[in-house]
């Protein structure tokens, strides 16, 4: 049986804290998502400011999260979600990293 995302793409407000942080500082959430899959948070965070590279890097991180969590999908779907609504995609990925309701804990480590 195929596993789905625990939160829908437009379920941003399931975790208002992550939603607000992502809205005002998307590079932080992108970096934390990258860090969760073992990639460089700095490189991904900076890539969010480079046109077209940002779409590729964020879709790649989403794809890695999806694969780690065993969620069905393809890189093309990840790319489309990133193009459609990048902030919602970042929040959805952050919520999946946390692994349950309430999303990702955005805090200093």
Foldseek 3Di string as FASTA:
>chain_A
DADAQPADLPNLVLAVVLLVCCVVQVLLLQLVLQVLLPHHSVVLSVLCVPPPSVLVSSLVSLVSLCVVVRHDDDSVVSSVSCVVDVSSSSQSSQQVSVPDGNGHDPDDD
